[in-house]
Amino acid sequence: LMRVQFAHGGTQTFPLVGVVHRPSLATSMSTLRFAKKHVSGVQRLALDVWNPTRARAAWKLEHIEPKRTAADELRERTVTRITGKPPKQPTDDPSIFEFAQTEGTLEVHNGRVPPRVQIMVTCTPKEPGLYRSRYRFVVAHGKATEMEVEMEATLGEEDDFYHLTEQHPSDFMYTDALL
């Protein structure tokens, strides 16, 4: 409530209602983590985005270049001094993460539950290693949202996505010849 006191001594009270008119975008998670997998496999995960405001949100996705800070260098030197080897640093390679949609517009939801738009993210690493990339959803005339995408690719057979029934069902059938 807002209370106004006038020069003649009278007061008046007004109810206030706040409505956000600056567009923004919300995501279902701030870090999208792919499972540890074999380098030859392809993985897909869904990311939900929606407009939590009462303003139309036109957005565009952009990769954020990593910046090394003095704290990063200090941490790396400390780990190297303690363990005798440098720490495993994730590689920032945005080419292995592909977003099905990189721009769009989310309309106003007018008091209803905002509809979610699902964006599929595909991960196709080229070589084994840790990967982490940061992205920013830039909203026109509004507030940007940042997120990370990370995964680990290996050469280990245990991390291979081998679907028994789909690829080689004959490998797992018992026949009289084997008995």
Protein backbone atom coordinates (compact mmCIF):
# COMPACT_ATOMS: atom_id res chain seq x y z
CA LEU A 1 0.00 0.00 0.00
CA MET A 2 1.11 3.52 -0.75
CA ARG A 3 0.10 6.24 1.64
CA VAL A 4 -0.01 9.88 0.48
CA GLN A 5 -0.20 12.74 2.92
CA PHE A 6 -1.52 16.00 1.50
CA ALA A 7 -0.54 19.57 2.53
CA HIS A 8 -4.01 20.18 4.03
CA GLY A 9 -3.42 17.27 6.46
CA GLY A 10 -5.51 14.62 4.74
CA THR A 11 -4.13 11.19 3.80
CA GLN A 12 -5.08 8.71 1.15
CA THR A 13 -4.00 5.08 0.70
CA PHE A 14 -3.57 3.36 -2.69
CA PRO A 15 -2.99 -0.34 -3.34
CA LEU A 16 0.13 -0.99 -5.45
CA VAL A 17 0.57 -3.81 -7.92
CA GLY A 18 4.00 -4.50 -9.41
CA VAL A 19 4.29 -5.99 -12.87
CA VAL A 20 7.61 -6.79 -14.54
CA HIS A 21 7.67 -5.39 -18.06
CA ARG A 22 11.34 -6.13 -18.71
CA PRO A 23 11.57 -9.39 -20.63
CA SER A 24 13.69 -12.30 -19.46
CA LEU A 25 14.05 -16.00 -20.09
CA ALA A 26 14.14 -18.88 -17.60
CA THR A 27 15.74 -22.30 -18.18
CA SER A 28 14.97 -25.66 -16.60
CA MET A 29 18.60 -25.96 -15.40
CA SER A 30 21.65 -23.76 -15.12
CA THR A 31 24.04 -26.65 -15.91
CA LEU A 32 23.22 -29.27 -18.51
CA ARG A 33 25.34 -32.37 -17.76
CA PHE A 34 25.67 -35.13 -20.31
CA ALA A 35 26.50 -38.62 -19.06
CA LYS A 36 30.05 -39.92 -19.32
CA LYS A 37 30.13 -41.64 -22.69
CA HIS A 38 32.26 -43.19 -25.38
CA VAL A 39 33.67 -40.71 -27.87
CA SER A 40 31.89 -42.43 -30.79
CA GLY A 41 28.39 -42.00 -29.34
CA VAL A 42 25.90 -39.18 -29.75
CA GLN A 43 23.80 -37.93 -26.85
CA ARG A 44 20.76 -35.66 -26.77
CA LEU A 45 19.25 -33.85 -23.80
CA ALA A 46 16.25 -31.55 -23.60
CA LEU A 47 16.42 -28.05 -22.18
CA ASP A 48 13.19 -26.22 -21.37
CA VAL A 49 12.98 -22.43 -21.71
CA TRP A 50 10.07 -20.14 -20.92
CA ASN A 51 9.14 -16.50 -20.43
CA PRO A 52 8.33 -15.76 -16.75
CA THR A 53 7.44 -12.10 -17.43
CA ARG A 54 4.55 -10.20 -18.94
CA ALA A 55 6.69 -8.88 -21.78
CA ARG A 56 7.45 -10.49 -25.12
CA ALA A 57 10.98 -11.98 -25.01
CA ALA A 58 12.98 -12.16 -28.25
CA TRP A 59 16.17 -14.13 -27.53
CA LYS A 60 19.36 -15.31 -29.18
CA LEU A 61 21.89 -17.87 -27.92
CA GLU A 62 25.60 -17.01 -27.89
CA HIS A 63 28.72 -18.79 -26.70
CA ILE A 64 30.69 -17.13 -23.88
CA GLU A 65 34.46 -17.24 -24.35
CA PRO A 66 36.25 -18.46 -21.20
CA LYS A 67 38.34 -16.00 -19.25
CA ARG A 68 41.21 -17.15 -17.07
CA THR A 69 41.43 -15.30 -13.80
CA ALA A 70 44.21 -14.99 -11.26
CA ALA A 71 42.21 -17.33 -9.00
CA ASP A 72 42.24 -20.00 -11.76
CA GLU A 73 46.01 -19.75 -12.10
CA LEU A 74 46.52 -19.87 -8.33
CA ARG A 75 44.28 -22.93 -8.05
CA GLU A 76 46.17 -24.66 -10.86
CA ARG A 77 49.57 -23.93 -9.30
CA THR A 78 48.38 -25.16 -5.89
CA VAL A 79 47.04 -28.44 -7.27
CA THR A 80 50.22 -28.96 -9.30
CA ARG A 81 52.36 -28.33 -6.23
CA ILE A 82 50.33 -30.75 -4.07
CA THR A 83 49.81 -33.58 -6.58
CA GLY A 84 52.89 -33.13 -8.74
CA LYS A 85 50.81 -32.88 -11.94
CA PRO A 86 48.57 -30.18 -13.37
CA PRO A 87 44.80 -30.60 -12.86
CA LYS A 88 42.58 -31.86 -15.67
CA GLN A 89 41.04 -28.75 -17.18
CA PRO A 90 37.85 -29.01 -19.24
CA THR A 91 38.11 -27.97 -22.87
CA ASP A 92 35.85 -25.22 -24.14
CA ASP A 93 34.81 -26.50 -27.57
CA PRO A 94 31.35 -25.18 -28.51
CA SER A 95 31.43 -27.12 -31.79
CA ILE A 96 30.61 -30.39 -29.98
CA PHE A 97 27.37 -28.99 -28.52
CA GLU A 98 24.61 -28.31 -31.03
CA PHE A 99 21.38 -26.53 -30.04
CA ALA A 100 18.33 -27.32 -32.17
CA GLN A 101 17.19 -23.70 -31.82
CA THR A 102 19.52 -20.72 -31.34
CA GLU A 103 17.01 -17.88 -31.42
CA GLY A 104 13.32 -17.29 -31.05
CA THR A 105 10.54 -15.33 -29.40
CA LEU A 106 8.56 -16.28 -26.31
CA GLU A 107 5.20 -14.60 -26.15
CA VAL A 108 3.43 -13.08 -23.14
CA HIS A 109 1.52 -15.57 -21.01
CA ASN A 110 -1.01 -13.09 -19.47
CA GLY A 111 -1.20 -14.54 -15.97
CA ARG A 112 -1.36 -18.17 -17.05
CA VAL A 113 1.39 -20.71 -16.48
CA PRO A 114 4.02 -19.83 -19.08
CA PRO A 115 4.33 -22.44 -21.84
CA ARG A 116 7.71 -24.15 -22.03
CA VAL A 117 9.64 -24.52 -25.25
CA GLN A 118 11.87 -27.57 -25.46
CA ILE A 119 15.27 -27.19 -27.11
CA MET A 120 17.20 -30.37 -27.90
CA VAL A 121 20.97 -30.17 -27.28
CA THR A 122 23.13 -32.73 -29.10
CA CYS A 123 26.63 -33.65 -27.97
CA THR A 124 29.11 -35.18 -30.45
CA PRO A 125 32.69 -35.09 -29.12
CA LYS A 126 35.59 -35.57 -31.51
CA GLU A 127 38.14 -36.92 -29.03
CA PRO A 128 38.26 -38.07 -25.39
CA GLY A 129 38.38 -35.47 -22.63
CA LEU A 130 36.40 -33.20 -20.35
CA TYR A 131 34.32 -30.52 -22.08
CA ARG A 132 32.59 -27.46 -20.65
CA SER A 133 31.12 -24.52 -22.55
CA ARG A 134 29.15 -21.54 -21.28
CA TYR A 135 26.26 -19.98 -23.17
CA ARG A 136 24.17 -16.86 -22.74
CA PHE A 137 20.54 -16.39 -23.77
CA VAL A 138 20.58 -12.72 -24.78
CA VAL A 139 17.11 -11.20 -24.47
CA ALA A 140 16.38 -8.05 -26.49
CA HIS A 141 15.79 -5.11 -24.11
CA GLY A 142 15.87 -7.51 -21.17
CA LYS A 143 17.83 -9.63 -18.77
CA ALA A 144 20.21 -12.29 -20.12
CA THR A 145 20.40 -15.82 -18.66
CA GLU A 146 23.59 -17.89 -18.60
CA MET A 147 24.10 -21.65 -18.50
CA GLU A 148 26.85 -24.28 -18.78
CA VAL A 149 26.93 -27.48 -20.82
CA GLU A 150 29.42 -30.18 -19.82
CA MET A 151 30.34 -33.78 -20.56
CA GLU A 152 33.16 -36.31 -20.44
CA ALA A 153 34.09 -38.41 -23.47
CA THR A 154 36.19 -41.55 -23.02
CA LEU A 155 37.61 -44.45 -25.00
CA GLY A 156 36.38 -46.96 -22.39
CA GLU A 157 34.17 -49.74 -23.74
CA GLU A 158 32.02 -49.57 -20.60
CA ASP A 159 30.95 -46.06 -21.66
CA ASP A 160 29.86 -47.17 -25.14
CA PHE A 161 26.12 -46.96 -25.83
CA TYR A 162 25.64 -50.42 -27.25
CA HIS A 163 21.99 -51.35 -27.61
CA LEU A 164 21.80 -55.14 -27.62
CA THR A 165 18.37 -55.58 -29.10
CA GLU A 166 18.70 -52.94 -31.79
CA GLN A 167 22.14 -53.49 -33.28
CA HIS A 168 23.14 -57.15 -33.04
CA PRO A 169 20.36 -59.39 -31.70
CA SER A 170 21.92 -62.50 -33.28
CA ASP A 171 24.99 -62.10 -31.03
CA PHE A 172 22.87 -62.89 -28.01
CA MET A 173 20.68 -65.77 -29.26
CA TYR A 174 21.32 -69.31 -28.12
CA THR A 175 21.39 -71.87 -30.87
CA ASP A 176 21.92 -75.62 -30.86
CA ALA A 177 25.29 -75.11 -32.55
CA LEU A 178 26.62 -73.42 -29.45
CA LEU A 179 25.42 -76.12 -27.03
